[in-house]
Amino acid sequence: MAVQPKPKLRIVDDGDVREHYCNKLVSSNFDGAAVTLTLGTTRYTPDTTDEPPKTGAQPDIFVTNRIALAPAAAIELLNALNMILNAMSKSGAGGITVGQPPATAAKPEQPPAARTSQTPTARN
């Protein structure tokens, strides 16, 4: 029996779909039916608006998105990410080395006050 080619499906891009930034993978899970990813963003939040985050303060991680993927979609995502990471590794972009955690995983990001010697301005 001959293998039939996959049908080419049309992509309909909805401009109202919100995009979410994340810089942390909070958790991943497979429950037997779906791969679930919880994504987050690290934030340094000062106690008041007239002070910067304290030097050495650890950021909070705010959950920004959860995504549940069918196993086939998870495999497609994995393959696409592998292609992107390999291209980044070959080009030297972002200090990525395939098979190793990112450099930022070893040391947490510093709050803005610790990164610069400038006097921070008040935030409103």
PDB file of N, CA and C in Angstrom:
ATOM      1  N   MET A   1       0.839  -1.167   0.000  1.00  0.00           N
ATOM      2  CA  MET A   1       0.000   0.000   0.000  1.00  0.00           C
ATOM      3  C   MET A   1       0.889   1.238   0.000  1.00  0.00           C
ATOM      4  N   ALA A   2       0.664   2.155  -0.898  1.00  0.00           N
ATOM      5  CA  ALA A   2       1.462   3.369  -1.021  1.00  0.00           C
ATOM      6  C   ALA A   2       1.095   4.361   0.080  1.00  0.00           C
ATOM      7  N   VAL A   3       2.127   5.042   0.581  1.00  0.00           N
ATOM      8  CA  VAL A   3       1.903   6.045   1.611  1.00  0.00           C
ATOM      9  C   VAL A   3       1.390   7.314   0.940  1.00  0.00           C
ATOM     10  N   GLN A   4       0.267   7.814   1.432  1.00  0.00           N
ATOM     11  CA  GLN A   4      -0.303   9.036   0.865  1.00  0.00           C
ATOM     12  C   GLN A   4       0.356  10.249   1.494  1.00  0.00           C
ATOM     13  N   PRO A   5       0.665  11.269   0.691  1.00  0.00           N
ATOM     14  CA  PRO A   5       1.277  12.468   1.254  1.00  0.00           C
ATOM     15  C   PRO A   5       0.300  13.193   2.183  1.00  0.00           C
ATOM     16  N   LYS A   6       0.876  13.876   3.185  1.00  0.00           N
ATOM     17  CA  LYS A   6       0.030  14.645   4.093  1.00  0.00           C
ATOM     18  C   LYS A   6      -0.620  15.782   3.325  1.00  0.00           C
ATOM     19  N   PRO A   7      -1.892  16.061   3.623  1.00  0.00           N
ATOM     20  CA  PRO A   7      -2.523  17.202   2.946  1.00  0.00           C
ATOM     21  C   PRO A   7      -1.888  18.505   3.418  1.00  0.00           C
ATOM     22  N   LYS A   8      -1.772  19.470   2.514  1.00  0.00           N
ATOM     23  CA  LYS A   8      -1.250  20.777   2.886  1.00  0.00           C
ATOM     24  C   LYS A   8      -2.400  21.592   3.462  1.00  0.00           C
ATOM     25  N   LEU A   9      -2.277  21.902   4.756  1.00  0.00           N
ATOM     26  CA  LEU A   9      -3.324  22.644   5.437  1.00  0.00           C
ATOM     27  C   LEU A   9      -3.045  24.134   5.344  1.00  0.00           C
ATOM     28  N   ARG A  10      -4.080  24.904   5.168  1.00  0.00           N
ATOM     29  CA  ARG A  10      -3.965  26.362   5.083  1.00  0.00           C
ATOM     30  C   ARG A  10      -3.823  26.936   6.481  1.00  0.00           C
ATOM     31  N   ILE A  11      -2.945  27.927   6.654  1.00  0.00           N
ATOM     32  CA  ILE A  11      -2.753  28.596   7.939  1.00  0.00           C
ATOM     33  C   ILE A  11      -3.557  29.884   7.937  1.00  0.00           C
ATOM     34  N   VAL A  12      -4.388  30.054   8.951  1.00  0.00           N
ATOM     35  CA  VAL A  12      -5.164  31.281   9.118  1.00  0.00           C
ATOM     36  C   VAL A  12      -4.604  31.988  10.347  1.00  0.00           C
ATOM     37  N   ASP A  13      -3.954  33.142  10.153  1.00  0.00           N
ATOM     38  CA  ASP A  13      -3.323  33.871  11.244  1.00  0.00           C
ATOM     39  C   ASP A  13      -4.293  34.892  11.809  1.00  0.00           C
ATOM     40  N   ASP A  14      -4.674  34.694  13.080  1.00  0.00           N
ATOM     41  CA  ASP A  14      -5.593  35.599  13.762  1.00  0.00           C
ATOM     42  C   ASP A  14      -4.779  36.712  14.415  1.00  0.00           C
ATOM     43  N   GLY A  15      -4.888  37.923  13.925  1.00  0.00           N
ATOM     44  CA  GLY A  15      -4.146  39.062  14.447  1.00  0.00           C
ATOM     45  C   GLY A  15      -4.520  39.442  15.872  1.00  0.00           C
ATOM     46  N   ASP A  16      -5.618  38.917  16.387  1.00  0.00           N
ATOM     47  CA  ASP A  16      -6.032  39.231  17.753  1.00  0.00           C
ATOM     48  C   ASP A  16      -5.410  38.308  18.804  1.00  0.00           C
ATOM     49  N   VAL A  17      -4.640  37.321  18.358  1.00  0.00           N
ATOM     50  CA  VAL A  17      -4.011  36.414  19.308  1.00  0.00           C
ATOM     51  C   VAL A  17      -2.918  37.175  20.057  1.00  0.00           C
ATOM     52  N   ARG A  18      -2.942  37.083  21.394  1.00  0.00           N
ATOM     53  CA  ARG A  18      -1.957  37.780  22.217  1.00  0.00           C
ATOM     54  C   ARG A  18      -0.652  36.995  22.260  1.00  0.00           C
ATOM     55  N   GLU A  19       0.451  37.720  22.257  1.00  0.00           N
ATOM     56  CA  GLU A  19       1.756  37.102  22.409  1.00  0.00           C
ATOM     57  C   GLU A  19       2.207  37.285  23.856  1.00  0.00           C
ATOM     58  N   HIS A  20       2.901  36.291  24.382  1.00  0.00           N
ATOM     59  CA  HIS A  20       3.356  36.323  25.767  1.00  0.00           C
ATOM     60  C   HIS A  20       4.861  36.113  25.801  1.00  0.00           C
ATOM     61  N   TYR A  21       5.568  36.988  26.512  1.00  0.00           N
ATOM     62  CA  TYR A  21       7.005  36.839  26.696  1.00  0.00           C
ATOM     63  C   TYR A  21       7.263  35.935  27.897  1.00  0.00           C
ATOM     64  N   CYS A  22       8.280  35.111  27.797  1.00  0.00           N
ATOM     65  CA  CYS A  22       8.721  34.343  28.961  1.00  0.00           C
ATOM     66  C   CYS A  22      10.228  34.170  28.882  1.00  0.00           C
ATOM     67  N   ASN A  23      10.864  34.074  30.035  1.00  0.00           N
ATOM     68  CA  ASN A  23      12.288  33.770  30.068  1.00  0.00           C
ATOM     69  C   ASN A  23      12.596  32.610  31.008  1.00  0.00           C
ATOM     70  N   LYS A  24      11.557  31.926  31.462  1.00  0.00           N
ATOM     71  CA  LYS A  24      11.730  30.759  32.327  1.00  0.00           C
ATOM     72  C   LYS A  24      10.704  29.688  31.993  1.00  0.00           C
ATOM     73  N   LEU A  25      11.172  28.451  31.957  1.00  0.00           N
ATOM     74  CA  LEU A  25      10.258  27.315  31.902  1.00  0.00           C
ATOM     75  C   LEU A  25       9.998  26.929  33.350  1.00  0.00           C
ATOM     76  N   VAL A  26       8.778  27.121  33.808  1.00  0.00           N
ATOM     77  CA  VAL A  26       8.426  26.853  35.198  1.00  0.00           C
ATOM     78  C   VAL A  26       8.256  25.352  35.417  1.00  0.00           C
ATOM     79  N   SER A  27       7.519  24.707  34.521  1.00  0.00           N
ATOM     80  CA  SER A  27       7.331  23.257  34.650  1.00  0.00           C
ATOM     81  C   SER A  27       6.905  22.661  33.318  1.00  0.00           C
ATOM     82  N   SER A  28       7.103  21.359  33.225  1.00  0.00           N
ATOM     83  CA  SER A  28       6.626  20.596  32.072  1.00  0.00           C
ATOM     84  C   SER A  28       6.087  19.266  32.590  1.00  0.00           C
ATOM     85  N   ASN A  29       5.072  18.751  31.917  1.00  0.00           N
ATOM     86  CA  ASN A  29       4.412  17.545  32.397  1.00  0.00           C
ATOM     87  C   ASN A  29       3.799  16.810  31.212  1.00  0.00           C
ATOM     88  N   PHE A  30       3.804  15.497  31.284  1.00  0.00           N
ATOM     89  CA  PHE A  30       3.061  14.680  30.328  1.00  0.00           C
ATOM     90  C   PHE A  30       2.143  13.778  31.129  1.00  0.00           C
ATOM     91  N   ASP A  31       0.849  13.902  30.912  1.00  0.00           N
ATOM     92  CA  ASP A  31      -0.125  13.138  31.691  1.00  0.00           C
ATOM     93  C   ASP A  31      -0.658  11.922  30.948  1.00  0.00           C
ATOM     94  N   GLY A  32      -0.042  11.580  29.831  1.00  0.00           N
ATOM     95  CA  GLY A  32      -0.496  10.452  29.036  1.00  0.00           C
ATOM     96  C   GLY A  32      -1.334  10.880  27.849  1.00  0.00           C
ATOM     97  N   ALA A  33      -1.834  12.114  27.871  1.00  0.00           N
ATOM     98  CA  ALA A  33      -2.664  12.615  26.777  1.00  0.00           C
ATOM     99  C   ALA A  33      -2.149  13.927  26.203  1.00  0.00           C
ATOM    100  N   ALA A  34      -1.468  14.727  27.030  1.00  0.00           N
ATOM    101  CA  ALA A  34      -0.999  16.031  26.567  1.00  0.00           C
ATOM    102  C   ALA A  34       0.290  16.416  27.286  1.00  0.00           C
ATOM    103  N   VAL A  35       1.134  17.159  26.581  1.00  0.00           N
ATOM    104  CA  VAL A  35       2.325  17.754  27.176  1.00  0.00           C
ATOM    105  C   VAL A  35       1.909  19.158  27.609  1.00  0.00           C
ATOM    106  N   THR A  36       2.091  19.455  28.887  1.00  0.00           N
ATOM    107  CA  THR A  36       1.717  20.763  29.409  1.00  0.00           C
ATOM    108  C   THR A  36       2.974  21.513  29.823  1.00  0.00           C
ATOM    109  N   LEU A  37       3.114  22.745  29.340  1.00  0.00           N
ATOM    110  CA  LEU A  37       4.238  23.606  29.677  1.00  0.00           C
ATOM    111  C   LEU A  37       3.706  24.820  30.426  1.00  0.00           C
ATOM    112  N   THR A  38       4.355  25.169  31.519  1.00  0.00           N
ATOM    113  CA  THR A  38       4.031  26.386  32.253  1.00  0.00           C
ATOM    114  C   THR A  38       5.240  27.297  32.114  1.00  0.00           C
ATOM    115  N   LEU A  39       5.000  28.505  31.601  1.00  0.00           N
ATOM    116  CA  LEU A  39       6.070  29.456  31.306  1.00  0.00           C
ATOM    117  C   LEU A  39       5.949  30.670  32.201  1.00  0.00           C
ATOM    118  N   GLY A  40       7.074  31.311  32.485  1.00  0.00           N
ATOM    119  CA  GLY A  40       7.047  32.467  33.366  1.00  0.00           C
ATOM    120  C   GLY A  40       8.078  33.510  33.000  1.00  0.00           C
ATOM    121  N   THR A  41       8.021  34.610  33.715  1.00  0.00           N
ATOM    122  CA  THR A  41       8.933  35.731  33.535  1.00  0.00           C
ATOM    123  C   THR A  41       9.467  36.130  34.898  1.00  0.00           C
ATOM    124  N   THR A  42      10.797  36.349  34.965  1.00  0.00           N
ATOM    125  CA  THR A  42      11.377  36.818  36.214  1.00  0.00           C
ATOM    126  C   THR A  42      11.222  38.328  36.297  1.00  0.00           C
ATOM    127  N   ARG A  43      10.917  38.795  37.501  1.00  0.00           N
ATOM    128  CA  ARG A  43      10.752  40.234  37.723  1.00  0.00           C
ATOM    129  C   ARG A  43      11.310  40.603  39.081  1.00  0.00           C
ATOM    130  N   TYR A  44      12.000  41.722  39.112  1.00  0.00           N
ATOM    131  CA  TYR A  44      12.445  42.323  40.368  1.00  0.00           C
ATOM    132  C   TYR A  44      11.432  43.395  40.701  1.00  0.00           C
ATOM    133  N   THR A  45      10.760  43.244  41.802  1.00  0.00           N
ATOM    134  CA  THR A  45       9.719  44.191  42.174  1.00  0.00           C
ATOM    135  C   THR A  45      10.113  44.884  43.470  1.00  0.00           C
ATOM    136  N   PRO A  46      10.387  46.201  43.398  1.00  0.00           N
ATOM    137  CA  PRO A  46      10.718  46.908  44.629  1.00  0.00           C
ATOM    138  C   PRO A  46       9.487  47.030  45.523  1.00  0.00           C
ATOM    139  N   ASP A  47       9.738  47.301  46.809  1.00  0.00           N
ATOM    140  CA  ASP A  47       8.630  47.434  47.754  1.00  0.00           C
ATOM    141  C   ASP A  47       7.802  48.686  47.489  1.00  0.00           C
ATOM    142  N   THR A  48       8.459  49.762  47.056  1.00  0.00           N
ATOM    143  CA  THR A  48       7.760  51.012  46.742  1.00  0.00           C
ATOM    144  C   THR A  48       8.272  51.550  45.414  1.00  0.00           C
ATOM    145  N   THR A  49       7.558  52.503  44.853  1.00  0.00           N
ATOM    146  CA  THR A  49       7.931  53.033  43.540  1.00  0.00           C
ATOM    147  C   THR A  49       9.133  53.955  43.586  1.00  0.00           C
ATOM    148  N   ASP A  50       9.538  54.414  44.764  1.00  0.00           N
ATOM    149  CA  ASP A  50      10.660  55.355  44.830  1.00  0.00           C
ATOM    150  C   ASP A  50      11.983  54.681  45.203  1.00  0.00           C
ATOM    151  N   GLU A  51      12.031  53.355  45.151  1.00  0.00           N
ATOM    152  CA  GLU A  51      13.288  52.683  45.442  1.00  0.00           C
ATOM    153  C   GLU A  51      13.536  51.563  44.428  1.00  0.00           C
ATOM    154  N   PRO A  52      14.815  51.331  44.100  1.00  0.00           N
ATOM    155  CA  PRO A  52      15.140  50.244  43.172  1.00  0.00           C
ATOM    156  C   PRO A  52      15.120  48.910  43.900  1.00  0.00           C
ATOM    157  N   PRO A  53      15.162  47.812  43.170  1.00  0.00           N
ATOM    158  CA  PRO A  53      15.285  46.512  43.842  1.00  0.00           C
ATOM    159  C   PRO A  53      16.595  46.472  44.634  1.00  0.00           C
ATOM    160  N   LYS A  54      16.602  45.768  45.729  1.00  0.00           N
ATOM    161  CA  LYS A  54      17.791  45.672  46.575  1.00  0.00           C
ATOM    162  C   LYS A  54      18.867  44.841  45.886  1.00  0.00           C
ATOM    163  N   THR A  55      20.123  45.264  46.031  1.00  0.00           N
ATOM    164  CA  THR A  55      21.242  44.525  45.465  1.00  0.00           C
ATOM    165  C   THR A  55      21.250  43.117  46.056  1.00  0.00           C
ATOM    166  N   GLY A  56      21.406  42.128  45.199  1.00  0.00           N
ATOM    167  CA  GLY A  56      21.412  40.741  45.640  1.00  0.00           C
ATOM    168  C   GLY A  56      20.029  40.133  45.779  1.00  0.00           C
ATOM    169  N   ALA A  57      18.998  40.926  45.537  1.00  0.00           N
ATOM    170  CA  ALA A  57      17.630  40.409  45.652  1.00  0.00           C
ATOM    171  C   ALA A  57      17.386  39.346  44.578  1.00  0.00           C
ATOM    172  N   GLN A  58      16.644  38.327  44.949  1.00  0.00           N
ATOM    173  CA  GLN A  58      16.282  37.291  43.988  1.00  0.00           C
ATOM    174  C   GLN A  58      14.966  37.671  43.317  1.00  0.00           C
ATOM    175  N   PRO A  59      14.849  37.427  42.023  1.00  0.00           N
ATOM    176  CA  PRO A  59      13.616  37.800  41.336  1.00  0.00           C
ATOM    177  C   PRO A  59      12.481  36.844  41.689  1.00  0.00           C
ATOM    178  N   ASP A  60      11.272  37.334  41.538  1.00  0.00           N
ATOM    179  CA  ASP A  60      10.091  36.482  41.596  1.00  0.00           C
ATOM    180  C   ASP A  60       9.831  35.976  40.184  1.00  0.00           C
ATOM    181  N   ILE A  61       9.257  34.802  40.069  1.00  0.00           N
ATOM    182  CA  ILE A  61       8.865  34.282  38.766  1.00  0.00           C
ATOM    183  C   ILE A  61       7.352  34.336  38.687  1.00  0.00           C
ATOM    184  N   PHE A  62       6.852  35.093  37.719  1.00  0.00           N
ATOM    185  CA  PHE A  62       5.416  35.223  37.504  1.00  0.00           C
ATOM    186  C   PHE A  62       5.016  34.325  36.340  1.00  0.00           C
ATOM    187  N   VAL A  63       4.027  33.463  36.553  1.00  0.00           N
ATOM    188  CA  VAL A  63       3.528  32.616  35.476  1.00  0.00           C
ATOM    189  C   VAL A  63       2.830  33.510  34.454  1.00  0.00           C
ATOM    190  N   THR A  64       3.253  33.388  33.196  1.00  0.00           N
ATOM    191  CA  THR A  64       2.673  34.210  32.138  1.00  0.00           C
ATOM    192  C   THR A  64       1.868  33.413  31.123  1.00  0.00           C
ATOM    193  N   ASN A  65       2.075  32.096  31.071  1.00  0.00           N
ATOM    194  CA  ASN A  65       1.376  31.320  30.059  1.00  0.00           C
ATOM    195  C   ASN A  65       1.439  29.833  30.391  1.00  0.00           C
ATOM    196  N   ARG A  66       0.389  29.134  30.034  1.00  0.00           N
ATOM    197  CA  ARG A  66       0.374  27.676  30.084  1.00  0.00           C
ATOM    198  C   ARG A  66      -0.081  27.197  28.719  1.00  0.00           C
ATOM    199  N   ILE A  67       0.561  26.141  28.254  1.00  0.00           N
ATOM    200  CA  ILE A  67       0.187  25.594  26.954  1.00  0.00           C
ATOM    201  C   ILE A  67       0.110  24.071  27.080  1.00  0.00           C
ATOM    202  N   ALA A  68      -0.929  23.492  26.536  1.00  0.00           N
ATOM    203  CA  ALA A  68      -1.091  22.038  26.516  1.00  0.00           C
ATOM    204  C   ALA A  68      -1.048  21.594  25.059  1.00  0.00           C
ATOM    205  N   LEU A  69      -0.183  20.641  24.775  1.00  0.00           N
ATOM    206  CA  LEU A  69       0.024  20.175  23.402  1.00  0.00           C
ATOM    207  C   LEU A  69      -0.307  18.694  23.274  1.00  0.00           C
ATOM    208  N   ALA A  70      -0.959  18.341  22.176  1.00  0.00           N
ATOM    209  CA  ALA A  70      -1.122  16.934  21.849  1.00  0.00           C
ATOM    210  C   ALA A  70       0.282  16.375  21.598  1.00  0.00           C
ATOM    211  N   PRO A  71       0.502  15.087  21.838  1.00  0.00           N
ATOM    212  CA  PRO A  71       1.836  14.525  21.630  1.00  0.00           C
ATOM    213  C   PRO A  71       2.426  14.828  20.249  1.00  0.00           C
ATOM    214  N   ALA A  72       1.626  14.765  19.209  1.00  0.00           N
ATOM    215  CA  ALA A  72       2.142  15.055  17.863  1.00  0.00           C
ATOM    216  C   ALA A  72       2.597  16.506  17.747  1.00  0.00           C
ATOM    217  N   ALA A  73       1.864  17.425  18.350  1.00  0.00           N
ATOM    218  CA  ALA A  73       2.257  18.836  18.326  1.00  0.00           C
ATOM    219  C   ALA A  73       3.517  19.064  19.157  1.00  0.00           C
ATOM    220  N   ALA A  74       3.660  18.335  20.270  1.00  0.00           N
ATOM    221  CA  ALA A  74       4.869  18.445  21.091  1.00  0.00           C
ATOM    222  C   ALA A  74       6.093  17.991  20.303  1.00  0.00           C
ATOM    223  N   ILE A  75       5.959  16.942  19.515  1.00  0.00           N
ATOM    224  CA  ILE A  75       7.062  16.461  18.681  1.00  0.00           C
ATOM    225  C   ILE A  75       7.397  17.493  17.602  1.00  0.00           C
ATOM    226  N   GLU A  76       6.372  18.099  16.991  1.00  0.00           N
ATOM    227  CA  GLU A  76       6.615  19.149  16.000  1.00  0.00           C
ATOM    228  C   GLU A  76       7.357  20.323  16.632  1.00  0.00           C
ATOM    229  N   LEU A  77       6.942  20.712  17.841  1.00  0.00           N
ATOM    230  CA  LEU A  77       7.605  21.810  18.543  1.00  0.00           C
ATOM    231  C   LEU A  77       9.054  21.449  18.852  1.00  0.00           C
ATOM    232  N   LEU A  78       9.286  20.247  19.339  1.00  0.00           N
ATOM    233  CA  LEU A  78      10.642  19.793  19.645  1.00  0.00           C
ATOM    234  C   LEU A  78      11.526  19.846  18.400  1.00  0.00           C
ATOM    235  N   ASN A  79      11.036  19.338  17.285  1.00  0.00           N
ATOM    236  CA  ASN A  79      11.813  19.348  16.041  1.00  0.00           C
ATOM    237  C   ASN A  79      12.115  20.773  15.584  1.00  0.00           C
ATOM    238  N   ALA A  80      11.123  21.660  15.667  1.00  0.00           N
ATOM    239  CA  ALA A  80      11.327  23.052  15.252  1.00  0.00           C
ATOM    240  C   ALA A  80      12.341  23.741  16.163  1.00  0.00           C
ATOM    241  N   LEU A  81      12.231  23.517  17.483  1.00  0.00           N
ATOM    242  CA  LEU A  81      13.175  24.127  18.415  1.00  0.00           C
ATOM    243  C   LEU A  81      14.585  23.587  18.207  1.00  0.00           C
ATOM    244  N   ASN A  82      14.717  22.305  17.930  1.00  0.00           N
ATOM    245  CA  ASN A  82      16.046  21.738  17.656  1.00  0.00           C
ATOM    246  C   ASN A  82      16.690  22.387  16.441  1.00  0.00           C
ATOM    247  N   MET A  83      15.914  22.627  15.387  1.00  0.00           N
ATOM    248  CA  MET A  83      16.459  23.281  14.197  1.00  0.00           C
ATOM    249  C   MET A  83      16.915  24.704  14.527  1.00  0.00           C
ATOM    250  N   ILE A  84      16.103  25.437  15.298  1.00  0.00           N
ATOM    251  CA  ILE A  84      16.450  26.802  15.677  1.00  0.00           C
ATOM    252  C   ILE A  84      17.702  26.807  16.558  1.00  0.00           C
ATOM    253  N   LEU A  85      17.756  25.935  17.568  1.00  0.00           N
ATOM    254  CA  LEU A  85      18.906  25.886  18.475  1.00  0.00           C
ATOM    255  C   LEU A  85      20.184  25.493  17.748  1.00  0.00           C
ATOM    256  N   ASN A  86      20.091  24.566  16.810  1.00  0.00           N
ATOM    257  CA  ASN A  86      21.271  24.188  16.024  1.00  0.00           C
ATOM    258  C   ASN A  86      21.764  25.364  15.200  1.00  0.00           C
ATOM    259  N   ALA A  87      20.853  26.114  14.583  1.00  0.00           N
ATOM    260  CA  ALA A  87      21.248  27.288  13.802  1.00  0.00           C
ATOM    261  C   ALA A  87      21.879  28.346  14.709  1.00  0.00           C
ATOM    262  N   MET A  88      21.295  28.556  15.896  1.00  0.00           N
ATOM    263  CA  MET A  88      21.858  29.525  16.845  1.00  0.00           C
ATOM    264  C   MET A  88      23.249  29.088  17.304  1.00  0.00           C
ATOM    265  N   SER A  89      23.419  27.808  17.558  1.00  0.00           N
ATOM    266  CA  SER A  89      24.701  27.287  18.016  1.00  0.00           C
ATOM    267  C   SER A  89      25.776  27.474  16.947  1.00  0.00           C
ATOM    268  N   LYS A  90      25.430  27.173  15.687  1.00  0.00           N
ATOM    269  CA  LYS A  90      26.391  27.306  14.590  1.00  0.00           C
ATOM    270  C   LYS A  90      26.778  28.755  14.351  1.00  0.00           C
ATOM    271  N   SER A  91      25.823  29.674  14.552  1.00  0.00           N
ATOM    272  CA  SER A  91      26.108  31.088  14.303  1.00  0.00           C
ATOM    273  C   SER A  91      26.738  31.772  15.514  1.00  0.00           C
ATOM    274  N   GLY A  92      26.733  31.099  16.658  1.00  0.00           N
ATOM    275  CA  GLY A  92      27.278  31.701  17.877  1.00  0.00           C
ATOM    276  C   GLY A  92      26.330  32.685  18.535  1.00  0.00           C
ATOM    277  N   ALA A  93      25.099  32.724  18.080  1.00  0.00           N
ATOM    278  CA  ALA A  93      24.119  33.674  18.622  1.00  0.00           C
ATOM    279  C   ALA A  93      23.706  33.286  20.032  1.00  0.00           C
ATOM    280  N   GLY A  94      23.718  34.252  20.920  1.00  0.00           N
ATOM    281  CA  GLY A  94      23.196  34.057  22.263  1.00  0.00           C
ATOM    282  C   GLY A  94      24.005  33.135  23.154  1.00  0.00           C
ATOM    283  N   GLY A  95      25.221  32.775  22.748  1.00  0.00           N
ATOM    284  CA  GLY A  95      26.035  31.899  23.581  1.00  0.00           C
ATOM    285  C   GLY A  95      25.423  30.530  23.783  1.00  0.00           C
ATOM    286  N   ILE A  96      24.646  30.066  22.809  1.00  0.00           N
ATOM    287  CA  ILE A  96      23.946  28.784  22.904  1.00  0.00           C
ATOM    288  C   ILE A  96      24.884  27.643  22.509  1.00  0.00           C
ATOM    289  N   THR A  97      24.939  26.602  23.339  1.00  0.00           N
ATOM    290  CA  THR A  97      25.619  25.366  22.992  1.00  0.00           C
ATOM    291  C   THR A  97      24.585  24.263  23.129  1.00  0.00           C
ATOM    292  N   VAL A  98      24.273  23.602  22.020  1.00  0.00           N
ATOM    293  CA  VAL A  98      23.242  22.565  22.037  1.00  0.00           C
ATOM    294  C   VAL A  98      23.651  21.464  23.009  1.00  0.00           C
ATOM    295  N   GLY A  99      22.700  21.036  23.838  1.00  0.00           N
ATOM    296  CA  GLY A  99      22.932  19.982  24.816  1.00  0.00           C
ATOM    297  C   GLY A  99      23.376  20.500  26.167  1.00  0.00           C
ATOM    298  N   GLN A 100      23.542  21.830  26.300  1.00  0.00           N
ATOM    299  CA  GLN A 100      23.935  22.416  27.577  1.00  0.00           C
ATOM    300  C   GLN A 100      22.926  23.477  27.970  1.00  0.00           C
ATOM    301  N   PRO A 101      22.710  23.645  29.273  1.00  0.00           N
ATOM    302  CA  PRO A 101      21.770  24.684  29.699  1.00  0.00           C
ATOM    303  C   PRO A 101      22.318  26.061  29.354  1.00  0.00           C
ATOM    304  N   PRO A 102      21.443  27.038  29.169  1.00  0.00           N
ATOM    305  CA  PRO A 102      21.921  28.386  28.872  1.00  0.00           C
ATOM    306  C   PRO A 102      22.776  28.924  30.009  1.00  0.00           C
ATOM    307  N   ALA A 103      23.676  29.835  29.687  1.00  0.00           N
ATOM    308  CA  ALA A 103      24.587  30.401  30.681  1.00  0.00           C
ATOM    309  C   ALA A 103      23.826  31.080  31.805  1.00  0.00           C
ATOM    310  N   THR A 104      22.657  31.658  31.521  1.00  0.00           N
ATOM    311  CA  THR A 104      21.894  32.361  32.544  1.00  0.00           C
ATOM    312  C   THR A 104      21.299  31.408  33.564  1.00  0.00           C
ATOM    313  N   ALA A 105      21.264  30.102  33.264  1.00  0.00           N
ATOM    314  CA  ALA A 105      20.712  29.150  34.220  1.00  0.00           C
ATOM    315  C   ALA A 105      21.638  28.985  35.423  1.00  0.00           C
ATOM    316  N   ALA A 106      22.946  29.173  35.211  1.00  0.00           N
ATOM    317  CA  ALA A 106      23.905  28.992  36.284  1.00  0.00           C
ATOM    318  C   ALA A 106      23.927  30.158  37.256  1.00  0.00           C
ATOM    319  N   LYS A 107      23.673  31.359  36.766  1.00  0.00           N
ATOM    320  CA  LYS A 107      23.689  32.527  37.633  1.00  0.00           C
ATOM    321  C   LYS A 107      22.450  33.367  37.364  1.00  0.00           C
ATOM    322  N   PRO A 108      21.703  33.729  38.386  1.00  0.00           N
ATOM    323  CA  PRO A 108      20.484  34.508  38.182  1.00  0.00           C
ATOM    324  C   PRO A 108      20.814  35.903  37.672  1.00  0.00           C
ATOM    325  N   GLU A 109      19.886  36.461  36.919  1.00  0.00           N
ATOM    326  CA  GLU A 109      20.040  37.821  36.429  1.00  0.00           C
ATOM    327  C   GLU A 109      20.120  38.773  37.607  1.00  0.00           C
ATOM    328  N   GLN A 110      20.902  39.826  37.458  1.00  0.00           N
ATOM    329  CA  GLN A 110      21.021  40.822  38.509  1.00  0.00           C
ATOM    330  C   GLN A 110      19.955  41.884  38.325  1.00  0.00           C
ATOM    331  N   PRO A 111      19.451  42.456  39.420  1.00  0.00           N
ATOM    332  CA  PRO A 111      18.469  43.529  39.288  1.00  0.00           C
ATOM    333  C   PRO A 111      19.121  44.737  38.635  1.00  0.00           C
ATOM    334  N   PRO A 112      18.323  45.610  38.016  1.00  0.00           N
ATOM    335  CA  PRO A 112      18.878  46.758  37.320  1.00  0.00           C
ATOM    336  C   PRO A 112      19.830  47.581  38.185  1.00  0.00           C
ATOM    337  N   ALA A 113      19.557  47.736  39.481  1.00  0.00           N
ATOM    338  CA  ALA A 113      20.408  48.543  40.350  1.00  0.00           C
ATOM    339  C   ALA A 113      21.789  47.918  40.493  1.00  0.00           C
ATOM    340  N   ALA A 114      21.885  46.600  40.436  1.00  0.00           N
ATOM    341  CA  ALA A 114      23.164  45.927  40.595  1.00  0.00           C
ATOM    342  C   ALA A 114      23.957  45.910  39.288  1.00  0.00           C
ATOM    343  N   ARG A 115      23.278  46.053  38.157  1.00  0.00           N
ATOM    344  CA  ARG A 115      23.955  45.999  36.869  1.00  0.00           C
ATOM    345  C   ARG A 115      24.605  47.313  36.498  1.00  0.00           C
ATOM    346  N   THR A 116      24.096  48.411  36.982  1.00  0.00           N
ATOM    347  CA  THR A 116      24.622  49.708  36.583  1.00  0.00           C
ATOM    348  C   THR A 116      25.075  50.491  37.803  1.00  0.00           C
ATOM    349  N   SER A 117      25.979  51.421  37.561  1.00  0.00           N
ATOM    350  CA  SER A 117      26.436  52.255  38.655  1.00  0.00           C
ATOM    351  C   SER A 117      25.684  53.595  38.675  1.00  0.00           C
ATOM    352  N   GLN A 118      24.745  53.760  37.760  1.00  0.00           N
ATOM    353  CA  GLN A 118      23.973  54.980  37.694  1.00  0.00           C
ATOM    354  C   GLN A 118      22.931  55.006  38.804  1.00  0.00           C
ATOM    355  N   THR A 119      22.580  56.184  39.239  1.00  0.00           N
ATOM    356  CA  THR A 119      21.536  56.318  40.234  1.00  0.00           C
ATOM    357  C   THR A 119      20.197  56.018  39.574  1.00  0.00           C
ATOM    358  N   PRO A 120      19.456  55.044  40.095  1.00  0.00           N
ATOM    359  CA  PRO A 120      18.172  54.716  39.472  1.00  0.00           C
ATOM    360  C   PRO A 120      17.161  55.829  39.672  1.00  0.00           C
ATOM    361  N   THR A 121      16.267  55.930  38.723  1.00  0.00           N
ATOM    362  CA  THR A 121      15.199  56.917  38.817  1.00  0.00           C
ATOM    363  C   THR A 121      13.957  56.270  39.393  1.00  0.00           C
ATOM    364  N   ALA A 122      13.106  57.066  39.959  1.00  0.00           N
ATOM    365  CA  ALA A 122      11.852  56.568  40.537  1.00  0.00           C
ATOM    366  C   ALA A 122      10.956  56.054  39.435  1.00  0.00           C
ATOM    367  N   ARG A 123      10.244  54.982  39.730  1.00  0.00           N
ATOM    368  CA  ARG A 123       9.294  54.414  38.769  1.00  0.00           C
ATOM    369  C   ARG A 123       7.893  54.777  39.208  1.00  0.00           C
ATOM    370  N   ASN A 124       7.067  55.072  38.252  1.00  0.00           N
ATOM    371  CA  ASN A 124       5.663  55.399  38.565  1.00  0.00           C
ATOM    372  C   ASN A 124       4.772  54.257  38.224  1.00  0.00           C
TER     373      ASN A 124
END
